[in-house]
Amino acid sequence: MKKILVAFFAILLLGTIAGCSSVPEKNPALQRQWMLVAFGNFSKEELIKNKAEINLTGVIDKGKIKGSAHMGCNNMFFTSEFKKGGKVQISGVGSTLKACQNMELETEFGQKFDKMTSYSIQGHFLTLSDDSGNSMKFVAADWD
């Protein structure tokens, strides 16, 4: 009887430990592909033509999302942490270094993206904003 109880508690303990260290929690409302539809002085048509987007479906590591972005030429990458209360921290922004004809959108996005400090999700829209009143508005790519 004693051996059965020890075995039972050992299995219970291992199951609890395995459950705690499993896959990080995902947020399906946030972790998706987002198409940029409003940013600075760029028209919606220009953003669509460049297929401007961010992808937040990357690997999660300790609450941080490894994301990517594309503004028409280079591939960009970054780390983001979306916190409770609508705060966001974006860091480690980098990109490939191809020379393209129209780099204005990519350059401006790269300069402002890691300055975004707040986020909100309303329906199928994600809005990032900074402390100076600048914002970026995205629509979920999987929204019909």
N, C-alpha and C. Protein backbone atom coordinates (compact mmCIF):
# COMPACT_ATOMS: atom_id res chain seq x y z
N MET A 1 0.82 -1.20 0.00
CA MET A 1 0.00 0.00 0.00
C MET A 1 0.87 1.26 0.00
N LYS A 2 1.95 1.20 0.78
CA LYS A 2 2.84 2.34 0.87
C LYS A 2 3.47 2.64 -0.49
N LYS A 3 3.85 1.59 -1.24
CA LYS A 3 4.47 1.76 -2.55
C LYS A 3 3.48 2.37 -3.54
N ILE A 4 2.23 1.98 -3.43
CA ILE A 4 1.20 2.53 -4.32
C ILE A 4 1.01 4.02 -4.06
N LEU A 5 0.96 4.43 -2.79
CA LEU A 5 0.81 5.85 -2.46
C LEU A 5 2.01 6.66 -2.93
N VAL A 6 3.22 6.16 -2.74
CA VAL A 6 4.42 6.86 -3.19
C VAL A 6 4.39 7.03 -4.71
N ALA A 7 4.05 5.96 -5.42
CA ALA A 7 3.96 6.03 -6.87
C ALA A 7 2.90 7.03 -7.31
N PHE A 8 1.74 7.03 -6.64
CA PHE A 8 0.66 7.96 -6.96
C PHE A 8 1.11 9.41 -6.80
N PHE A 9 1.75 9.72 -5.66
CA PHE A 9 2.20 11.09 -5.41
C PHE A 9 3.34 11.49 -6.35
N ALA A 10 4.19 10.55 -6.73
CA ALA A 10 5.26 10.84 -7.68
C ALA A 10 4.67 11.22 -9.04
N ILE A 11 3.68 10.48 -9.49
CA ILE A 11 3.02 10.77 -10.76
C ILE A 11 2.30 12.11 -10.69
N LEU A 12 1.62 12.36 -9.59
CA LEU A 12 0.92 13.62 -9.39
C LEU A 12 1.89 14.80 -9.41
N LEU A 13 3.02 14.67 -8.74
CA LEU A 13 4.02 15.73 -8.70
C LEU A 13 4.61 15.97 -10.08
N LEU A 14 4.97 14.92 -10.81
CA LEU A 14 5.52 15.07 -12.15
C LEU A 14 4.51 15.72 -13.09
N GLY A 15 3.26 15.36 -12.97
CA GLY A 15 2.21 15.96 -13.80
C GLY A 15 2.06 17.44 -13.53
N THR A 16 2.17 17.84 -12.27
CA THR A 16 2.06 19.24 -11.89
C THR A 16 3.25 20.03 -12.42
N ILE A 17 4.45 19.49 -12.29
CA ILE A 17 5.65 20.17 -12.79
C ILE A 17 5.58 20.30 -14.30
N ALA A 18 5.20 19.26 -15.00
CA ALA A 18 5.10 19.31 -16.47
C ALA A 18 4.06 20.33 -16.90
N GLY A 19 2.97 20.44 -16.18
CA GLY A 19 1.92 21.40 -16.52
C GLY A 19 2.38 22.83 -16.36
N CYS A 20 3.25 23.09 -15.41
CA CYS A 20 3.73 24.45 -15.17
C CYS A 20 4.76 24.90 -16.20
N SER A 21 5.45 23.98 -16.80
CA SER A 21 6.52 24.37 -17.72
C SER A 21 6.14 24.10 -19.17
N SER A 22 4.88 24.00 -19.45
CA SER A 22 4.46 23.71 -20.82
C SER A 22 4.48 24.98 -21.67
N VAL A 23 3.83 24.94 -22.80
CA VAL A 23 3.81 26.03 -23.77
C VAL A 23 3.27 27.31 -23.14
N PRO A 24 3.92 28.47 -23.42
CA PRO A 24 3.44 29.74 -22.87
C PRO A 24 2.02 30.06 -23.36
N GLU A 25 1.32 30.83 -22.56
CA GLU A 25 -0.05 31.20 -22.89
C GLU A 25 -0.07 32.13 -24.10
N LYS A 26 -0.97 31.87 -25.01
CA LYS A 26 -1.09 32.69 -26.22
C LYS A 26 -2.32 33.58 -26.12
N ASN A 27 -2.30 34.67 -26.83
CA ASN A 27 -3.40 35.60 -26.88
C ASN A 27 -3.88 35.70 -28.33
N PRO A 28 -4.89 34.91 -28.71
CA PRO A 28 -5.33 34.87 -30.11
C PRO A 28 -5.87 36.21 -30.63
N ALA A 29 -6.32 37.09 -29.76
CA ALA A 29 -6.81 38.39 -30.21
C ALA A 29 -5.64 39.28 -30.66
N LEU A 30 -4.46 39.01 -30.17
CA LEU A 30 -3.28 39.83 -30.46
C LEU A 30 -2.30 39.13 -31.39
N GLN A 31 -2.08 37.86 -31.15
CA GLN A 31 -1.06 37.11 -31.87
C GLN A 31 -1.58 36.63 -33.22
N ARG A 32 -1.46 37.53 -34.18
CA ARG A 32 -1.92 37.26 -35.54
C ARG A 32 -1.17 38.18 -36.48
N GLN A 33 -1.47 38.09 -37.73
CA GLN A 33 -0.87 38.95 -38.74
C GLN A 33 -1.75 40.19 -38.86
N TRP A 34 -1.13 41.38 -38.90
CA TRP A 34 -1.84 42.66 -38.94
C TRP A 34 -1.38 43.46 -40.15
N MET A 35 -2.34 43.96 -40.92
CA MET A 35 -2.06 44.78 -42.09
C MET A 35 -2.15 46.26 -41.69
N LEU A 36 -1.11 47.03 -42.01
CA LEU A 36 -1.08 48.45 -41.68
C LEU A 36 -2.04 49.21 -42.60
N VAL A 37 -2.97 49.97 -42.01
CA VAL A 37 -3.97 50.70 -42.81
C VAL A 37 -3.94 52.21 -42.58
N ALA A 38 -3.25 52.67 -41.53
CA ALA A 38 -3.13 54.11 -41.28
C ALA A 38 -1.82 54.38 -40.55
N PHE A 39 -1.01 55.26 -41.15
CA PHE A 39 0.27 55.60 -40.55
C PHE A 39 0.78 56.90 -41.17
N GLY A 40 1.01 57.89 -40.33
CA GLY A 40 1.57 59.16 -40.79
C GLY A 40 0.81 59.74 -41.96
N ASN A 41 1.56 60.22 -42.95
CA ASN A 41 0.97 60.84 -44.14
C ASN A 41 0.81 59.86 -45.29
N PHE A 42 0.98 58.58 -45.04
CA PHE A 42 0.86 57.58 -46.09
C PHE A 42 -0.61 57.23 -46.31
N SER A 43 -1.00 57.14 -47.57
CA SER A 43 -2.39 56.80 -47.88
C SER A 43 -2.62 55.30 -47.65
N LYS A 44 -3.86 54.94 -47.44
CA LYS A 44 -4.22 53.54 -47.27
C LYS A 44 -3.83 52.74 -48.52
N GLU A 45 -4.04 53.34 -49.68
CA GLU A 45 -3.70 52.68 -50.94
C GLU A 45 -2.20 52.39 -51.03
N GLU A 46 -1.38 53.35 -50.56
CA GLU A 46 0.07 53.17 -50.58
C GLU A 46 0.49 52.05 -49.62
N LEU A 47 -0.14 51.99 -48.47
CA LEU A 47 0.17 50.94 -47.50
C LEU A 47 -0.21 49.57 -48.04
N ILE A 48 -1.37 49.50 -48.68
CA ILE A 48 -1.83 48.23 -49.27
C ILE A 48 -0.91 47.82 -50.42
N LYS A 49 -0.53 48.77 -51.27
CA LYS A 49 0.36 48.49 -52.40
C LYS A 49 1.68 47.90 -51.92
N ASN A 50 2.21 48.40 -50.80
CA ASN A 50 3.47 47.92 -50.24
C ASN A 50 3.31 46.66 -49.39
N LYS A 51 2.06 46.22 -49.22
CA LYS A 51 1.77 45.05 -48.37
C LYS A 51 2.37 45.23 -46.98
N ALA A 52 2.18 46.44 -46.43
CA ALA A 52 2.72 46.79 -45.12
C ALA A 52 2.03 45.98 -44.03
N GLU A 53 2.83 45.30 -43.23
CA GLU A 53 2.25 44.43 -42.20
C GLU A 53 3.22 44.18 -41.06
N ILE A 54 2.66 43.75 -39.95
CA ILE A 54 3.45 43.17 -38.87
C ILE A 54 2.88 41.80 -38.58
N ASN A 55 3.73 40.91 -38.14
CA ASN A 55 3.31 39.55 -37.83
C ASN A 55 3.67 39.26 -36.38
N LEU A 56 2.66 39.05 -35.56
CA LEU A 56 2.86 38.79 -34.13
C LEU A 56 2.62 37.33 -33.78
N THR A 57 2.83 36.44 -34.73
CA THR A 57 2.60 35.01 -34.47
C THR A 57 3.87 34.28 -34.08
N GLY A 58 4.96 35.00 -33.89
CA GLY A 58 6.26 34.40 -33.57
C GLY A 58 6.30 33.75 -32.20
N VAL A 59 7.42 33.15 -31.92
CA VAL A 59 7.66 32.41 -30.68
C VAL A 59 7.54 33.34 -29.48
N ILE A 60 6.92 32.84 -28.45
CA ILE A 60 6.82 33.58 -27.19
C ILE A 60 7.93 33.10 -26.28
N ASP A 61 8.63 34.03 -25.65
CA ASP A 61 9.67 33.69 -24.71
C ASP A 61 9.53 34.60 -23.50
N LYS A 62 9.09 34.04 -22.38
CA LYS A 62 8.91 34.80 -21.14
C LYS A 62 8.01 36.01 -21.33
N GLY A 63 6.90 35.82 -22.02
CA GLY A 63 5.93 36.88 -22.22
C GLY A 63 6.22 37.79 -23.40
N LYS A 64 7.33 37.56 -24.09
CA LYS A 64 7.69 38.41 -25.22
C LYS A 64 7.41 37.68 -26.52
N ILE A 65 6.95 38.44 -27.51
CA ILE A 65 6.63 37.90 -28.82
C ILE A 65 7.73 38.31 -29.79
N LYS A 66 8.26 37.34 -30.51
CA LYS A 66 9.24 37.64 -31.55
C LYS A 66 8.45 37.86 -32.83
N GLY A 67 8.46 39.09 -33.30
CA GLY A 67 7.65 39.45 -34.45
C GLY A 67 8.47 39.82 -35.67
N SER A 68 7.76 40.02 -36.76
CA SER A 68 8.38 40.46 -38.00
C SER A 68 7.50 41.51 -38.66
N ALA A 69 8.09 42.24 -39.58
CA ALA A 69 7.35 43.28 -40.29
C ALA A 69 7.88 43.36 -41.71
N HIS A 70 7.03 43.88 -42.59
CA HIS A 70 7.41 44.10 -43.98
C HIS A 70 6.70 45.36 -44.45
N MET A 71 7.47 46.28 -45.01
CA MET A 71 6.91 47.55 -45.48
C MET A 71 7.11 47.73 -46.98
N GLY A 72 7.39 46.63 -47.69
CA GLY A 72 7.51 46.72 -49.13
C GLY A 72 8.86 46.31 -49.68
N CYS A 73 9.90 46.26 -48.86
CA CYS A 73 11.23 45.92 -49.37
C CYS A 73 11.94 44.94 -48.44
N ASN A 74 12.47 45.45 -47.36
CA ASN A 74 13.25 44.64 -46.43
C ASN A 74 12.37 43.88 -45.45
N ASN A 75 12.92 42.80 -44.93
CA ASN A 75 12.26 42.07 -43.85
C ASN A 75 12.77 42.63 -42.53
N MET A 76 11.84 42.97 -41.65
CA MET A 76 12.18 43.54 -40.36
C MET A 76 11.86 42.52 -39.28
N PHE A 77 12.52 42.67 -38.13
CA PHE A 77 12.28 41.78 -36.99
C PHE A 77 12.35 42.61 -35.71
N PHE A 78 11.70 42.10 -34.68
CA PHE A 78 11.64 42.83 -33.41
C PHE A 78 11.15 41.90 -32.31
N THR A 79 11.25 42.38 -31.09
CA THR A 79 10.69 41.71 -29.93
C THR A 79 9.67 42.66 -29.32
N SER A 80 8.52 42.14 -28.93
CA SER A 80 7.49 42.98 -28.33
C SER A 80 6.95 42.33 -27.07
N GLU A 81 6.56 43.18 -26.15
CA GLU A 81 5.94 42.71 -24.91
C GLU A 81 4.69 43.54 -24.67
N PHE A 82 3.54 42.89 -24.78
CA PHE A 82 2.25 43.56 -24.57
C PHE A 82 1.83 43.30 -23.13
N LYS A 83 1.69 44.38 -22.38
CA LYS A 83 1.42 44.27 -20.95
C LYS A 83 -0.02 44.66 -20.64
N LYS A 84 -0.46 44.27 -19.47
CA LYS A 84 -1.80 44.66 -19.02
C LYS A 84 -1.86 46.17 -18.91
N GLY A 85 -3.04 46.70 -19.08
CA GLY A 85 -3.23 48.14 -19.00
C GLY A 85 -2.93 48.85 -20.31
N GLY A 86 -2.76 48.09 -21.39
CA GLY A 86 -2.57 48.71 -22.70
C GLY A 86 -1.17 49.22 -22.97
N LYS A 87 -0.18 48.76 -22.25
CA LYS A 87 1.20 49.19 -22.48
C LYS A 87 1.93 48.18 -23.35
N VAL A 88 2.82 48.67 -24.21
CA VAL A 88 3.62 47.82 -25.07
C VAL A 88 5.06 48.30 -25.05
N GLN A 89 5.97 47.35 -25.13
CA GLN A 89 7.39 47.67 -25.26
C GLN A 89 7.92 46.92 -26.47
N ILE A 90 8.48 47.67 -27.41
CA ILE A 90 9.02 47.10 -28.64
C ILE A 90 10.53 47.37 -28.64
N SER A 91 11.30 46.32 -28.85
CA SER A 91 12.76 46.46 -28.81
C SER A 91 13.41 45.57 -29.85
N GLY A 92 14.71 45.75 -30.01
CA GLY A 92 15.48 44.91 -30.91
C GLY A 92 15.05 44.99 -32.36
N VAL A 93 14.60 46.17 -32.80
CA VAL A 93 14.15 46.33 -34.18
C VAL A 93 15.37 46.32 -35.11
N GLY A 94 15.30 45.49 -36.12
CA GLY A 94 16.36 45.41 -37.12
C GLY A 94 15.77 45.00 -38.45
N SER A 95 16.58 45.00 -39.49
CA SER A 95 16.07 44.59 -40.80
C SER A 95 17.21 44.15 -41.71
N THR A 96 16.81 43.51 -42.80
CA THR A 96 17.76 43.22 -43.85
C THR A 96 18.13 44.56 -44.48
N LEU A 97 19.15 44.58 -45.33
CA LEU A 97 19.66 45.86 -45.82
C LEU A 97 19.65 45.98 -47.34
N LYS A 98 18.56 45.56 -47.96
CA LYS A 98 18.45 45.71 -49.42
C LYS A 98 18.18 47.18 -49.75
N ALA A 99 18.75 47.64 -50.84
CA ALA A 99 18.47 48.99 -51.33
C ALA A 99 17.30 48.90 -52.30
N CYS A 100 16.27 49.68 -52.04
CA CYS A 100 15.07 49.65 -52.86
C CYS A 100 14.76 51.06 -53.37
N GLN A 101 13.91 51.15 -54.37
CA GLN A 101 13.57 52.45 -54.95
C GLN A 101 12.84 53.35 -53.97
N ASN A 102 11.81 52.84 -53.33
CA ASN A 102 11.00 53.67 -52.44
C ASN A 102 11.18 53.19 -51.00
N MET A 103 12.03 53.87 -50.27
CA MET A 103 12.35 53.47 -48.90
C MET A 103 11.67 54.37 -47.85
N GLU A 104 10.86 55.33 -48.29
CA GLU A 104 10.30 56.32 -47.37
C GLU A 104 9.43 55.66 -46.28
N LEU A 105 8.51 54.79 -46.68
CA LEU A 105 7.63 54.12 -45.72
C LEU A 105 8.44 53.28 -44.74
N GLU A 106 9.33 52.50 -45.27
CA GLU A 106 10.14 51.62 -44.43
C GLU A 106 11.00 52.41 -43.44
N THR A 107 11.60 53.48 -43.92
CA THR A 107 12.46 54.31 -43.06
C THR A 107 11.66 54.94 -41.93
N GLU A 108 10.52 55.53 -42.26
CA GLU A 108 9.71 56.19 -41.23
C GLU A 108 9.14 55.17 -40.24
N PHE A 109 8.68 54.03 -40.74
CA PHE A 109 8.17 52.99 -39.86
C PHE A 109 9.27 52.53 -38.90
N GLY A 110 10.46 52.28 -39.42
CA GLY A 110 11.58 51.83 -38.60
C GLY A 110 11.97 52.84 -37.53
N GLN A 111 11.83 54.12 -37.83
CA GLN A 111 12.18 55.17 -36.87
C GLN A 111 11.15 55.31 -35.76
N LYS A 112 9.89 55.00 -36.06
CA LYS A 112 8.82 55.24 -35.08
C LYS A 112 8.30 53.99 -34.38
N PHE A 113 8.51 52.83 -34.97
CA PHE A 113 7.89 51.61 -34.44
C PHE A 113 8.30 51.32 -33.00
N ASP A 114 9.58 51.39 -32.67
CA ASP A 114 10.00 51.05 -31.31
C ASP A 114 9.72 52.17 -30.30
N LYS A 115 9.15 53.28 -30.77
CA LYS A 115 8.74 54.37 -29.88
C LYS A 115 7.29 54.21 -29.40
N MET A 116 6.58 53.25 -29.97
CA MET A 116 5.19 53.01 -29.58
C MET A 116 5.16 52.48 -28.14
N THR A 117 4.28 53.05 -27.32
CA THR A 117 4.24 52.69 -25.90
C THR A 117 2.88 52.16 -25.45
N SER A 118 1.85 52.35 -26.26
CA SER A 118 0.49 51.92 -25.89
C SER A 118 -0.14 51.14 -27.03
N TYR A 119 -1.07 50.28 -26.66
CA TYR A 119 -1.82 49.55 -27.68
C TYR A 119 -3.27 49.40 -27.24
N SER A 120 -4.13 49.23 -28.25
CA SER A 120 -5.52 48.90 -27.97
C SER A 120 -6.03 48.00 -29.09
N ILE A 121 -6.88 47.08 -28.72
CA ILE A 121 -7.52 46.21 -29.69
C ILE A 121 -9.01 46.48 -29.60
N GLN A 122 -9.60 46.89 -30.71
CA GLN A 122 -11.03 47.14 -30.78
C GLN A 122 -11.56 46.37 -31.97
N GLY A 123 -12.27 45.30 -31.69
CA GLY A 123 -12.77 44.45 -32.76
C GLY A 123 -11.61 43.82 -33.51
N HIS A 124 -11.53 44.07 -34.80
CA HIS A 124 -10.46 43.51 -35.62
C HIS A 124 -9.37 44.54 -35.92
N PHE A 125 -9.29 45.60 -35.11
CA PHE A 125 -8.28 46.64 -35.29
C PHE A 125 -7.31 46.67 -34.11
N LEU A 126 -6.03 46.84 -34.42
CA LEU A 126 -4.97 47.05 -33.43
C LEU A 126 -4.41 48.44 -33.67
N THR A 127 -4.34 49.25 -32.63
CA THR A 127 -3.74 50.58 -32.74
C THR A 127 -2.58 50.67 -31.78
N LEU A 128 -1.42 51.09 -32.30
CA LEU A 128 -0.24 51.36 -31.50
C LEU A 128 -0.06 52.87 -31.47
N SER A 129 0.32 53.42 -30.32
CA SER A 129 0.53 54.86 -30.24
C SER A 129 1.70 55.17 -29.31
N ASP A 130 2.28 56.37 -29.50
CA ASP A 130 3.39 56.79 -28.65
C ASP A 130 2.94 57.94 -27.76
N ASP A 131 3.85 58.46 -26.96
CA ASP A 131 3.53 59.53 -26.03
C ASP A 131 3.42 60.90 -26.70
N SER A 132 3.77 60.98 -27.99
CA SER A 132 3.72 62.25 -28.73
C SER A 132 2.49 62.37 -29.61
N GLY A 133 1.58 61.40 -29.56
CA GLY A 133 0.36 61.46 -30.36
C GLY A 133 0.44 60.77 -31.71
N ASN A 134 1.57 60.16 -32.03
CA ASN A 134 1.70 59.40 -33.28
C ASN A 134 1.04 58.04 -33.10
N SER A 135 0.49 57.51 -34.19
CA SER A 135 -0.16 56.20 -34.09
C SER A 135 -0.01 55.41 -35.38
N MET A 136 -0.23 54.13 -35.24
CA MET A 136 -0.25 53.18 -36.35
C MET A 136 -1.48 52.33 -36.17
N LYS A 137 -2.29 52.21 -37.21
CA LYS A 137 -3.51 51.42 -37.12
C LYS A 137 -3.41 50.23 -38.07
N PHE A 138 -3.76 49.07 -37.53
CA PHE A 138 -3.69 47.82 -38.28
C PHE A 138 -5.05 47.14 -38.28
N VAL A 139 -5.29 46.34 -39.31
CA VAL A 139 -6.48 45.49 -39.35
C VAL A 139 -5.99 44.06 -39.42
N ALA A 140 -6.71 43.16 -38.74
CA ALA A 140 -6.34 41.75 -38.75
C ALA A 140 -6.39 41.20 -40.16
N ALA A 141 -5.34 40.52 -40.58
CA ALA A 141 -5.26 39.99 -41.95
C ALA A 141 -6.29 38.91 -42.20
N ASP A 142 -6.72 38.23 -41.15
CA ASP A 142 -7.68 37.13 -41.31
C ASP A 142 -9.12 37.60 -41.18
N TRP A 143 -9.32 38.91 -41.10
CA TRP A 143 -10.67 39.44 -41.00
C TRP A 143 -11.27 39.55 -42.39
N ASP A 144 -12.50 39.12 -42.55
CA ASP A 144 -13.17 39.16 -43.85
C ASP A 144 -13.77 40.51 -44.11
